Amino acid sequence: ILQRNAESWEEVASYGPLAPPAVSSLCEATLNRGDALQLNGSGHEWLACRTQYHRQVNGAVAVWRRPRPQAWSREELSLIEAVAEQIGIVWAQVTVQQELI
């Protein structure tokens, strides 16, 4: 999970080995998309979706896996979009909380 700062992406949560440096470029590519983005590269299959609150992008969720014969399923696409929607709300709440402290 990456958070969007003024000019860069900051990794704020991860599981397993860290993503290759290309993950920032992948997240940047999500900025102009409302749906999940699927890409292949760096020996991985990528799935990413921006997070937002009141139409303001505040981060991205990205997952990757080793290449498989089957594409990402519609359920996986729907899941990452739903998770990204919830994380966008959380980022907004955390930002407000930090401003109050």
N, C-alpha and C. Protein backbone atom coordinates (compact mmCIF):
# COMPACT_ATOMS: atom_id res chain seq x y z
N ILE A 1 0.87 -1.17 0.00
CA ILE A 1 0.00 0.00 0.00
C ILE A 1 0.91 1.22 0.00
N LEU A 2 0.62 2.12 -0.89
CA LEU A 2 1.42 3.33 -1.00
C LEU A 2 0.57 4.57 -0.78
N GLN A 3 1.17 5.56 -0.14
CA GLN A 3 0.49 6.83 0.08
C GLN A 3 1.10 7.87 -0.84
N ARG A 4 0.24 8.69 -1.40
CA ARG A 4 0.69 9.74 -2.31
C ARG A 4 1.00 11.00 -1.51
N ASN A 5 2.26 11.44 -1.58
CA ASN A 5 2.66 12.70 -0.98
C ASN A 5 2.64 13.76 -2.07
N ALA A 6 3.08 14.93 -1.77
CA ALA A 6 3.03 16.02 -2.74
C ALA A 6 3.63 15.64 -4.09
N GLU A 7 4.79 15.00 -4.10
CA GLU A 7 5.46 14.71 -5.37
C GLU A 7 5.95 13.28 -5.50
N SER A 8 5.62 12.43 -4.53
CA SER A 8 6.16 11.08 -4.59
C SER A 8 5.22 10.08 -3.93
N TRP A 9 5.58 8.82 -4.03
CA TRP A 9 4.84 7.73 -3.42
C TRP A 9 5.66 7.19 -2.26
N GLU A 10 5.01 6.91 -1.14
CA GLU A 10 5.69 6.35 0.02
C GLU A 10 5.04 5.02 0.39
N GLU A 11 5.84 3.98 0.48
CA GLU A 11 5.31 2.69 0.89
C GLU A 11 4.96 2.77 2.38
N VAL A 12 3.74 2.44 2.72
CA VAL A 12 3.31 2.51 4.12
C VAL A 12 2.92 1.16 4.69
N ALA A 13 2.71 0.17 3.85
CA ALA A 13 2.40 -1.18 4.32
C ALA A 13 2.77 -2.17 3.24
N SER A 14 3.27 -3.32 3.68
CA SER A 14 3.59 -4.35 2.70
C SER A 14 3.56 -5.71 3.39
N TYR A 15 3.52 -6.73 2.58
CA TYR A 15 3.57 -8.10 3.05
C TYR A 15 4.45 -8.88 2.10
N GLY A 16 5.39 -9.60 2.63
CA GLY A 16 6.29 -10.36 1.79
C GLY A 16 7.43 -9.49 1.29
N PRO A 17 8.17 -10.01 0.31
CA PRO A 17 9.30 -9.25 -0.23
C PRO A 17 8.84 -7.90 -0.78
N LEU A 18 9.69 -6.92 -0.62
CA LEU A 18 9.34 -5.59 -1.12
C LEU A 18 9.21 -5.59 -2.63
N ALA A 19 8.38 -4.71 -3.10
CA ALA A 19 8.13 -4.60 -4.53
C ALA A 19 9.35 -4.03 -5.23
N PRO A 20 9.55 -4.41 -6.47
CA PRO A 20 10.61 -3.79 -7.25
C PRO A 20 10.38 -2.27 -7.35
N PRO A 21 11.42 -1.51 -7.63
CA PRO A 21 11.27 -0.06 -7.71
C PRO A 21 10.23 0.40 -8.72
N ALA A 22 9.88 -0.45 -9.66
CA ALA A 22 8.90 -0.07 -10.68
C ALA A 22 7.51 0.17 -10.11
N VAL A 23 7.29 -0.18 -8.85
CA VAL A 23 5.96 -0.02 -8.28
C VAL A 23 5.53 1.44 -8.24
N SER A 24 6.45 2.36 -8.03
CA SER A 24 6.10 3.78 -8.05
C SER A 24 5.60 4.21 -9.42
N SER A 25 6.24 3.73 -10.47
CA SER A 25 5.79 4.04 -11.83
C SER A 25 4.42 3.45 -12.09
N LEU A 26 4.19 2.26 -11.58
CA LEU A 26 2.89 1.62 -11.73
C LEU A 26 1.81 2.45 -11.04
N CYS A 27 2.09 2.89 -9.83
CA CYS A 27 1.12 3.70 -9.10
C CYS A 27 0.86 5.02 -9.81
N GLU A 28 1.89 5.59 -10.36
CA GLU A 28 1.73 6.84 -11.11
C GLU A 28 0.77 6.62 -12.28
N ALA A 29 0.84 5.45 -12.90
CA ALA A 29 -0.03 5.14 -14.04
C ALA A 29 -1.49 5.00 -13.62
N THR A 30 -1.75 4.77 -12.34
CA THR A 30 -3.14 4.63 -11.87
C THR A 30 -3.83 5.98 -11.70
N LEU A 31 -3.09 7.06 -11.70
CA LEU A 31 -3.66 8.36 -11.38
C LEU A 31 -4.82 8.77 -12.27
N ASN A 32 -4.76 8.44 -13.54
CA ASN A 32 -5.81 8.86 -14.48
C ASN A 32 -6.82 7.76 -14.77
N ARG A 33 -6.86 6.75 -13.91
CA ARG A 33 -7.78 5.63 -14.12
C ARG A 33 -8.73 5.53 -12.94
N GLY A 34 -9.95 5.18 -13.22
CA GLY A 34 -10.91 4.96 -12.15
C GLY A 34 -11.00 3.50 -11.75
N ASP A 35 -10.46 2.63 -12.61
CA ASP A 35 -10.54 1.20 -12.35
C ASP A 35 -9.15 0.63 -12.15
N ALA A 36 -9.09 -0.66 -11.87
CA ALA A 36 -7.81 -1.33 -11.65
C ALA A 36 -6.99 -1.38 -12.93
N LEU A 37 -5.70 -1.32 -12.77
CA LEU A 37 -4.75 -1.36 -13.88
C LEU A 37 -3.99 -2.68 -13.82
N GLN A 38 -3.94 -3.37 -14.96
CA GLN A 38 -3.22 -4.63 -15.06
C GLN A 38 -2.03 -4.45 -15.99
N LEU A 39 -0.86 -4.86 -15.53
CA LEU A 39 0.35 -4.77 -16.34
C LEU A 39 1.22 -5.99 -16.13
N ASN A 40 2.08 -6.25 -17.08
CA ASN A 40 3.10 -7.28 -16.96
C ASN A 40 4.45 -6.61 -17.12
N GLY A 41 5.41 -7.00 -16.29
CA GLY A 41 6.75 -6.45 -16.41
C GLY A 41 7.61 -6.83 -15.23
N SER A 42 8.89 -6.74 -15.40
CA SER A 42 9.86 -7.07 -14.35
C SER A 42 9.65 -8.48 -13.80
N GLY A 43 9.17 -9.39 -14.65
CA GLY A 43 8.96 -10.76 -14.23
C GLY A 43 7.76 -10.96 -13.32
N HIS A 44 6.86 -9.97 -13.28
CA HIS A 44 5.67 -10.05 -12.44
C HIS A 44 4.44 -9.63 -13.22
N GLU A 45 3.29 -10.05 -12.71
CA GLU A 45 2.01 -9.53 -13.17
C GLU A 45 1.53 -8.57 -12.08
N TRP A 46 1.14 -7.38 -12.49
CA TRP A 46 0.78 -6.33 -11.55
C TRP A 46 -0.71 -6.02 -11.62
N LEU A 47 -1.26 -5.67 -10.49
CA LEU A 47 -2.63 -5.19 -10.40
C LEU A 47 -2.61 -4.03 -9.42
N ALA A 48 -3.05 -2.87 -9.84
CA ALA A 48 -3.00 -1.68 -8.98
C ALA A 48 -4.26 -0.86 -9.16
N CYS A 49 -4.60 -0.13 -8.12
CA CYS A 49 -5.76 0.75 -8.17
C CYS A 49 -5.48 1.94 -7.26
N ARG A 50 -5.82 3.12 -7.73
CA ARG A 50 -5.61 4.32 -6.91
C ARG A 50 -6.61 4.34 -5.76
N THR A 51 -6.23 5.03 -4.69
CA THR A 51 -7.15 5.30 -3.60
C THR A 51 -7.50 6.78 -3.67
N GLN A 52 -8.70 7.11 -3.27
CA GLN A 52 -9.10 8.51 -3.32
C GLN A 52 -10.20 8.78 -2.31
N TYR A 53 -10.37 10.06 -2.00
CA TYR A 53 -11.44 10.50 -1.12
C TYR A 53 -11.97 11.80 -1.69
N HIS A 54 -13.24 11.88 -1.90
CA HIS A 54 -13.87 13.04 -2.56
C HIS A 54 -13.13 13.41 -3.84
N ARG A 55 -12.85 12.40 -4.66
CA ARG A 55 -12.21 12.53 -5.97
C ARG A 55 -10.78 13.05 -5.91
N GLN A 56 -10.16 13.07 -4.74
CA GLN A 56 -8.77 13.48 -4.61
C GLN A 56 -7.92 12.23 -4.36
N VAL A 57 -7.00 11.95 -5.27
CA VAL A 57 -6.14 10.77 -5.13
C VAL A 57 -5.23 10.95 -3.93
N ASN A 58 -5.21 9.91 -3.06
CA ASN A 58 -4.35 9.99 -1.88
C ASN A 58 -3.46 8.76 -1.71
N GLY A 59 -3.46 7.86 -2.67
CA GLY A 59 -2.60 6.68 -2.56
C GLY A 59 -2.93 5.65 -3.62
N ALA A 60 -2.41 4.45 -3.41
CA ALA A 60 -2.66 3.34 -4.34
C ALA A 60 -2.44 2.02 -3.62
N VAL A 61 -3.10 1.02 -4.11
CA VAL A 61 -2.91 -0.35 -3.66
C VAL A 61 -2.35 -1.11 -4.85
N ALA A 62 -1.26 -1.84 -4.63
CA ALA A 62 -0.65 -2.61 -5.71
C ALA A 62 -0.34 -4.01 -5.20
N VAL A 63 -0.66 -5.00 -6.01
CA VAL A 63 -0.29 -6.39 -5.73
C VAL A 63 0.38 -6.95 -6.97
N TRP A 64 1.21 -7.94 -6.75
CA TRP A 64 1.89 -8.56 -7.88
C TRP A 64 2.08 -10.03 -7.58
N ARG A 65 2.29 -10.77 -8.64
CA ARG A 65 2.50 -12.20 -8.52
C ARG A 65 3.40 -12.65 -9.66
N ARG A 66 3.90 -13.85 -9.55
CA ARG A 66 4.65 -14.42 -10.66
C ARG A 66 3.67 -14.71 -11.79
N PRO A 67 4.13 -14.67 -13.03
CA PRO A 67 3.22 -14.89 -14.16
C PRO A 67 2.49 -16.24 -14.07
N ARG A 68 1.23 -16.20 -14.45
CA ARG A 68 0.38 -17.39 -14.49
C ARG A 68 -0.30 -17.45 -15.84
N PRO A 69 -0.75 -18.63 -16.23
CA PRO A 69 -1.44 -18.74 -17.52
C PRO A 69 -2.77 -17.96 -17.56
N GLN A 70 -3.45 -17.88 -16.42
CA GLN A 70 -4.74 -17.19 -16.40
C GLN A 70 -4.55 -15.73 -15.97
N ALA A 71 -5.39 -14.88 -16.50
CA ALA A 71 -5.36 -13.45 -16.16
C ALA A 71 -5.97 -13.24 -14.78
N TRP A 72 -5.84 -12.02 -14.27
CA TRP A 72 -6.51 -11.67 -13.01
C TRP A 72 -8.02 -11.87 -13.22
N SER A 73 -8.66 -12.46 -12.27
CA SER A 73 -10.10 -12.72 -12.40
C SER A 73 -10.91 -11.45 -12.14
N ARG A 74 -12.15 -11.47 -12.59
CA ARG A 74 -13.04 -10.32 -12.34
C ARG A 74 -13.23 -10.11 -10.84
N GLU A 75 -13.24 -11.21 -10.09
CA GLU A 75 -13.38 -11.10 -8.63
C GLU A 75 -12.16 -10.41 -8.01
N GLU A 76 -10.96 -10.73 -8.53
CA GLU A 76 -9.75 -10.08 -8.02
C GLU A 76 -9.75 -8.59 -8.36
N LEU A 77 -10.19 -8.25 -9.56
CA LEU A 77 -10.29 -6.84 -9.95
C LEU A 77 -11.28 -6.10 -9.05
N SER A 78 -12.44 -6.70 -8.82
CA SER A 78 -13.45 -6.08 -7.96
C SER A 78 -12.94 -5.93 -6.53
N LEU A 79 -12.22 -6.93 -6.07
CA LEU A 79 -11.70 -6.89 -4.70
C LEU A 79 -10.70 -5.76 -4.51
N ILE A 80 -9.75 -5.60 -5.43
CA ILE A 80 -8.76 -4.54 -5.25
C ILE A 80 -9.41 -3.16 -5.36
N GLU A 81 -10.43 -3.03 -6.21
CA GLU A 81 -11.15 -1.76 -6.31
C GLU A 81 -11.89 -1.45 -5.01
N ALA A 82 -12.51 -2.46 -4.40
CA ALA A 82 -13.23 -2.26 -3.14
C ALA A 82 -12.27 -1.93 -2.00
N VAL A 83 -11.14 -2.64 -1.96
CA VAL A 83 -10.13 -2.37 -0.93
C VAL A 83 -9.57 -0.95 -1.10
N ALA A 84 -9.28 -0.57 -2.33
CA ALA A 84 -8.75 0.78 -2.59
C ALA A 84 -9.74 1.85 -2.16
N GLU A 85 -11.02 1.62 -2.38
CA GLU A 85 -12.03 2.59 -1.97
C GLU A 85 -12.00 2.78 -0.45
N GLN A 86 -11.92 1.69 0.30
CA GLN A 86 -11.89 1.78 1.76
C GLN A 86 -10.60 2.42 2.26
N ILE A 87 -9.48 2.09 1.65
CA ILE A 87 -8.21 2.67 2.08
C ILE A 87 -8.18 4.16 1.80
N GLY A 88 -8.80 4.59 0.71
CA GLY A 88 -8.88 6.03 0.44
C GLY A 88 -9.59 6.78 1.55
N ILE A 89 -10.65 6.19 2.08
CA ILE A 89 -11.38 6.81 3.20
C ILE A 89 -10.50 6.84 4.45
N VAL A 90 -9.81 5.73 4.70
CA VAL A 90 -8.93 5.66 5.87
C VAL A 90 -7.83 6.71 5.79
N TRP A 91 -7.19 6.86 4.59
CA TRP A 91 -6.13 7.87 4.45
C TRP A 91 -6.66 9.25 4.78
N ALA A 92 -7.86 9.56 4.32
CA ALA A 92 -8.44 10.88 4.60
C ALA A 92 -8.66 11.05 6.10
N GLN A 93 -9.14 10.02 6.77
CA GLN A 93 -9.36 10.11 8.21
C GLN A 93 -8.05 10.26 8.98
N VAL A 94 -7.02 9.54 8.57
CA VAL A 94 -5.72 9.64 9.22
C VAL A 94 -5.15 11.04 9.03
N THR A 95 -5.30 11.60 7.85
CA THR A 95 -4.79 12.95 7.57
C THR A 95 -5.47 13.97 8.48
N VAL A 96 -6.78 13.89 8.61
CA VAL A 96 -7.51 14.80 9.50
C VAL A 96 -7.05 14.61 10.94
N GLN A 97 -6.89 13.37 11.36
CA GLN A 97 -6.45 13.07 12.72
C GLN A 97 -5.08 13.69 13.00
N GLN A 98 -4.15 13.57 12.03
CA GLN A 98 -2.81 14.14 12.21
C GLN A 98 -2.87 15.67 12.28
N GLU A 99 -3.77 16.27 11.54
CA GLU A 99 -3.90 17.74 11.57
C GLU A 99 -4.43 18.22 12.92
N LEU A 100 -5.23 17.40 13.57
CA LEU A 100 -5.80 17.77 14.86
C LEU A 100 -4.80 17.64 16.01
N ILE A 101 -3.80 16.80 15.79
CA ILE A 101 -2.81 16.56 16.88
C ILE A 101 -1.82 17.69 16.97
